[in-house]
Protein backbone atom coordinates (compact mmCIF):
# COMPACT_ATOMS: atom_id res chain seq x y z
CA MET A 1 -0.80 -3.82 12.83
CA LEU A 2 -2.56 -3.69 9.88
CA VAL A 3 0.53 -2.75 7.75
CA ASN A 4 2.11 -6.19 9.34
CA PHE A 5 -0.74 -8.56 8.55
CA ILE A 6 -0.51 -7.24 4.87
CA LEU A 7 3.31 -7.79 4.41
CA SER A 8 2.46 -11.38 6.08
CA GLY A 9 -0.24 -11.96 3.81
CA ALA A 10 2.07 -11.24 0.08
CA ALA A 11 5.06 -13.37 1.89
CA GLY A 12 2.23 -15.95 1.68
CA GLY A 13 0.67 -15.19 -1.82
CA LEU A 14 4.17 -15.31 -3.32
CA LEU A 15 5.58 -18.39 -1.83
CA ILE A 16 1.82 -20.61 -2.40
CA GLY A 17 2.40 -19.45 -6.14
CA MET A 18 6.10 -20.42 -6.01
CA THR A 19 5.88 -24.38 -4.49
CA GLY A 20 2.17 -24.61 -3.68
CA ILE A 21 3.39 -24.48 0.16
CA GLY A 22 3.02 -21.76 2.54
CA GLY A 23 -1.03 -21.36 3.43
CA GLY A 24 -0.82 -22.85 6.32
CA SER A 25 2.49 -23.96 6.90
CA LEU A 26 3.36 -20.80 7.32
CA MET A 27 1.04 -17.96 8.13
CA THR A 28 -1.11 -20.40 10.75
CA PRO A 29 2.50 -20.39 12.91
CA LEU A 30 3.59 -16.79 12.09
CA LEU A 31 -0.01 -15.56 13.73
CA VAL A 32 0.15 -17.93 16.25
CA MET A 33 3.84 -17.18 17.47
CA GLY A 34 4.08 -13.54 15.69
CA PHE A 35 0.88 -12.04 16.18
CA GLY A 36 -0.77 -14.25 19.05
CA ILE A 37 -3.91 -15.04 17.32
CA PRO A 38 -5.75 -17.73 18.94
CA PRO A 39 -5.15 -21.28 17.47
CA ALA A 40 -8.81 -21.76 16.46
CA THR A 41 -8.98 -18.33 14.72
CA ALA A 42 -5.65 -18.35 13.13
CA ILE A 43 -6.37 -21.96 11.72
CA GLY A 44 -10.54 -20.56 10.82
CA THR A 45 -9.25 -17.30 9.08
CA ASP A 46 -6.11 -19.10 7.49
CA LEU A 47 -8.06 -21.30 5.59
CA LEU A 48 -10.23 -19.29 3.90
CA TYR A 49 -7.30 -17.72 3.28
CA ALA A 50 -5.31 -20.15 1.11
CA ALA A 51 -8.53 -21.24 -0.39
CA LEU A 52 -8.86 -17.52 -1.62
CA THR A 53 -5.30 -17.31 -2.56
CA LYS A 54 -4.68 -21.09 -3.64
CA ALA A 55 -7.55 -20.11 -6.33
CA GLY A 56 -5.65 -16.90 -8.11
CA ALA A 57 -2.58 -19.69 -8.15
CA VAL A 58 -4.18 -21.92 -9.94
CA ALA A 59 -5.65 -19.76 -12.35
CA CYS A 60 -2.28 -18.56 -13.32
CA HIS A 61 -0.86 -21.72 -13.79
CA GLN A 62 -4.11 -23.03 -16.03
CA ARG A 63 -2.54 -20.31 -18.05
CA HIS A 64 0.60 -22.36 -18.86
CA GLY A 65 -1.52 -25.86 -19.02
CA ASN A 66 -0.19 -27.21 -16.10
CA VAL A 67 -3.08 -28.39 -13.55
CA SER A 68 -4.29 -32.53 -13.54
CA TRP A 69 -7.80 -31.86 -12.75
CA ARG A 70 -7.85 -35.70 -12.94
CA THR A 71 -5.74 -35.93 -10.11
CA ALA A 72 -7.21 -33.26 -8.03
CA GLY A 73 -10.60 -35.12 -8.14
CA TRP A 74 -8.82 -38.12 -6.98
CA LEU A 75 -7.54 -36.51 -3.67
CA LEU A 76 -10.79 -35.00 -3.26
CA VAL A 77 -12.35 -38.39 -3.16
CA GLY A 78 -10.85 -38.92 0.03
CA SER A 79 -9.87 -35.59 0.76
CA LEU A 80 -13.35 -33.96 1.36
CA PRO A 81 -14.92 -36.60 3.50
CA GLY A 82 -12.04 -36.53 6.16
CA SER A 83 -12.12 -32.71 6.18
CA GLY A 84 -16.23 -33.24 6.96
CA LEU A 85 -15.90 -35.94 9.64
CA THR A 86 -13.15 -33.15 11.45
CA LEU A 87 -15.43 -30.66 11.44
CA TRP A 88 -18.43 -32.88 12.82
CA ILE A 89 -16.11 -34.02 15.69
CA LEU A 90 -14.83 -30.42 16.15
CA GLN A 91 -18.35 -29.11 16.60
CA ARG A 92 -18.42 -31.78 19.25
CA ILE A 93 -15.88 -30.38 21.87
CA PRO A 94 -16.37 -27.11 23.54
CA ALA A 95 -14.01 -24.43 23.02
CA SER A 96 -11.36 -24.71 26.14
CA PRO A 97 -7.29 -24.52 27.12
CA LEU A 98 -7.61 -28.03 26.62
CA LEU A 99 -8.38 -27.48 22.94
CA ASP A 100 -6.03 -24.53 22.48
CA GLN A 101 -3.65 -26.89 23.74
CA MET A 102 -4.57 -29.50 21.31
CA LEU A 103 -4.58 -27.50 18.78
CA ARG A 104 -1.00 -26.04 18.81
CA GLN A 105 0.51 -29.53 19.25
CA GLY A 106 -1.42 -30.45 16.79
CA LEU A 107 -0.71 -27.79 14.36
CA ALA A 108 3.44 -28.28 15.62
CA VAL A 109 3.64 -32.26 14.92
CA ALA A 110 1.47 -31.17 11.29
CA LEU A 111 4.44 -29.02 10.74
CA ALA A 112 6.99 -31.38 11.68
CA LEU A 113 5.42 -34.09 9.01
CA THR A 114 5.33 -31.64 6.44
CA THR A 115 9.07 -30.93 7.41
CA LEU A 116 9.92 -34.58 6.68
CA ALA A 117 7.64 -34.65 3.80
CA LEU A 118 9.54 -31.92 1.88
CA TRP A 119 12.76 -33.00 3.10
CA LYS A 120 12.81 -36.67 2.28
CA ARG A 121 10.36 -36.93 -0.59
CA ARG A 122 13.60 -38.12 -3.09
CA ALA A 123 14.44 -40.72 -0.96
CA LEU A 124 10.79 -42.20 -1.49
CA PRO A 125 10.14 -45.08 -4.13
CA LYS A 126 8.57 -44.08 -7.03
CA PRO A 127 5.84 -46.39 -8.07
CA THR A 128 4.74 -46.31 -12.10
CA ASP A 129 1.55 -48.44 -11.91
CA THR A 130 -1.48 -46.22 -12.60
CA PRO A 131 -4.18 -48.76 -11.20
CA TYR A 132 -1.82 -48.69 -8.12
CA ALA A 133 -1.97 -44.85 -7.92
CA ARG A 134 -5.31 -44.34 -8.64
CA ILE A 135 -5.88 -46.47 -5.46
CA TRP A 136 -3.76 -44.78 -3.30
CA THR A 137 -4.53 -41.04 -4.00
CA PRO A 138 -7.84 -40.78 -2.63
CA VAL A 139 -7.06 -42.99 0.72
CA LEU A 140 -3.52 -40.91 1.65
CA GLY A 141 -5.89 -38.03 0.49
CA PHE A 142 -8.69 -38.80 3.38
CA PHE A 143 -6.25 -38.52 5.53
CA ILE A 144 -4.76 -34.54 4.29
CA GLY A 145 -8.28 -33.64 4.64
CA ILE A 146 -8.16 -34.48 8.67
CA LEU A 147 -4.52 -33.32 8.88
CA VAL A 148 -5.56 -29.64 7.01
CA THR A 149 -9.20 -29.04 8.83
CA LEU A 150 -7.55 -29.86 12.33
CA SER A 151 -4.66 -27.42 12.16
CA SER A 152 -4.96 -26.27 8.37
CA VAL A 153 -1.63 -27.26 7.49
CA GLY A 154 0.16 -30.28 5.51
CA GLY A 155 -2.13 -30.05 2.20
CA GLY A 156 0.68 -28.34 0.08
CA ALA A 157 3.82 -29.72 1.04
CA LEU A 158 1.94 -33.66 2.16
CA GLY A 159 0.16 -33.05 -1.02
CA THR A 160 2.89 -32.32 -3.31
CA ALA A 161 5.22 -34.81 -1.74
CA LEU A 162 2.22 -37.33 -2.52
CA LEU A 163 2.10 -36.13 -6.16
CA LEU A 164 6.11 -36.82 -6.77
CA VAL A 165 5.75 -40.38 -5.16
CA LEU A 166 2.60 -41.41 -6.81
CA TYR A 167 2.99 -39.63 -10.61
CA PRO A 168 6.81 -39.55 -11.07
CA SER A 169 5.91 -38.38 -13.98
CA PHE A 170 4.47 -35.04 -13.83
CA SER A 171 6.52 -32.23 -13.83
CA PHE A 172 6.98 -30.16 -11.18
CA SER A 173 5.01 -27.34 -12.19
CA THR A 174 2.41 -29.81 -12.68
CA ILE A 175 2.46 -31.22 -9.38
CA VAL A 176 2.46 -27.77 -7.98
CA ALA A 177 -0.58 -27.21 -10.03
CA THR A 178 -2.57 -30.15 -9.56
CA GLU A 179 -1.80 -29.75 -5.94
CA LEU A 180 -3.35 -26.41 -5.44
CA ALA A 181 -6.44 -27.30 -7.81
CA HIS A 182 -7.48 -30.06 -4.75
CA ALA A 183 -6.65 -27.57 -2.14
CA VAL A 184 -9.30 -25.16 -3.35
CA PRO A 185 -11.89 -27.01 -2.53
CA LEU A 186 -10.65 -28.56 0.46
CA THR A 187 -10.22 -25.88 2.45
CA LEU A 188 -13.16 -23.91 1.33
CA LEU A 189 -14.97 -26.34 2.73
CA ALA A 190 -12.77 -26.28 6.54
CA GLY A 191 -12.36 -22.98 6.54
CA LEU A 192 -16.70 -22.50 6.10
CA GLY A 193 -16.62 -25.01 8.95
CA HIS A 194 -14.36 -23.56 10.76
CA LEU A 195 -16.28 -20.33 10.12
CA ARG A 196 -19.51 -21.71 11.57
CA LEU A 197 -17.74 -22.38 14.16
CA GLY A 198 -17.10 -18.90 15.11
CA HIS A 199 -13.15 -19.42 14.47
CA VAL A 200 -12.99 -16.79 11.78
CA ASP A 201 -11.55 -13.31 11.69
CA GLY A 202 -12.92 -10.99 8.92
CA THR A 203 -10.56 -7.70 9.28
CA LEU A 204 -7.81 -10.39 9.55
CA LEU A 205 -8.62 -12.44 6.10
CA ALA A 206 -9.15 -9.49 4.50
CA ALA A 207 -5.91 -7.44 4.98
CA LEU A 208 -3.81 -10.62 4.30
CA LEU A 209 -5.97 -11.12 0.70
CA ALA A 210 -5.33 -7.50 0.34
CA GLY A 211 -1.61 -8.77 0.58
CA SER A 212 -1.56 -12.37 -1.25
CA LEU A 213 -3.39 -11.76 -4.50
CA PRO A 214 -1.53 -9.59 -6.20
CA ARG A 215 1.48 -11.16 -5.10
CA LEU A 216 0.41 -14.89 -7.15
CA TRP A 217 2.22 -13.89 -10.62
CA ALA A 218 5.02 -13.54 -9.19
CA GLY A 219 5.38 -16.75 -7.50
CA THR A 220 4.28 -18.36 -10.73
CA ARG A 221 6.30 -17.04 -12.57
CA LEU A 222 9.08 -17.95 -9.87
CA ASN A 223 8.00 -21.21 -10.36
CA HIS A 224 9.46 -21.97 -13.50
CA HIS A 225 13.14 -20.30 -12.42
CA LEU A 226 14.30 -21.69 -9.13
CA PRO A 227 15.77 -25.04 -8.92
CA GLU A 228 13.06 -27.17 -6.77
CA LYS A 229 16.09 -28.57 -4.01
CA VAL A 230 16.40 -24.90 -3.03
CA THR A 231 13.05 -24.23 -2.60
CA ARG A 232 12.72 -27.04 -0.61
CA ALA A 233 15.99 -27.07 1.95
CA GLY A 234 14.80 -23.50 2.70
CA LEU A 235 10.97 -24.54 3.18
CA SER A 236 12.75 -27.41 5.27
CA LEU A 237 14.18 -25.38 7.63
CA LEU A 238 11.74 -22.29 8.09
CA LEU A 239 9.13 -24.84 9.12
CA LEU A 240 11.55 -27.42 11.35
CA GLY A 241 11.97 -23.86 13.33
CA LEU A 242 8.08 -23.22 13.50
CA ALA A 243 7.22 -26.70 14.64
CA LEU A 244 9.57 -26.87 17.72
CA GLY A 245 8.96 -22.92 18.70
CA LEU A 246 5.24 -24.02 18.77
CA TRP A 247 5.91 -26.85 20.40
CA HIS A 248 8.02 -25.25 23.22
CA SER A 249 5.11 -22.66 23.47
CA VAL A 250 2.39 -25.06 24.75
CA PRO A 251 2.08 -24.86 28.77
CA GLY A 252 2.45 -28.16 30.13
CA LYS A 253 2.48 -30.27 27.37
CA ILE A 254 4.69 -33.66 28.10
CA ALA A 255 8.05 -33.45 27.43
């Protein structure tokens, strides 16, 4: 089982380095459905895994000068308060089968929204008004903070889609690197909050990191060579399948 965790971490690290996506969108449902990890533990552990893995990816991208730190800061203005609010609410909900069911459903919905964002983002309008972009960046960042803290999913794909819409002059490499830079403090805050709630498995976290960190460099290299439409289509189909699988795994769900 430990080897499987390491291999899963390696796959996640490769995808994170390449697309900025994969920390929560792929790893959390894999832990829940593939390995039977309780949703709360999978979410909490994955948030810290994503924070540390994405920190390594940011370092790789920064060598190429791809990160727009100002834009990442505008996202954090909204996402950190959203994360803090969600953690405050979670602290007041006792652990129960109902919470487990809510987390599974929330994860499935987050995956579906992520899939939609990936698939449709080229069809979205592309505003070029910089003041407009700066107003909406923290507002939408607030909702990303809520979504990431609740399910560990959505930061990479939804954040990437948001940046593509609001900052059309950015290259795809800059979009990926900037969202990664935004995700590090957000997932770290959310992960530490879940750690306080007892939702982190230290052994699982170490195994995932042992696989992911060595693969980051390869992922960032692929980022400069693979066509965006190829990675977008592949990830969209995979995430949709995971969303459907999670939704149908919820006992007593509303049809």
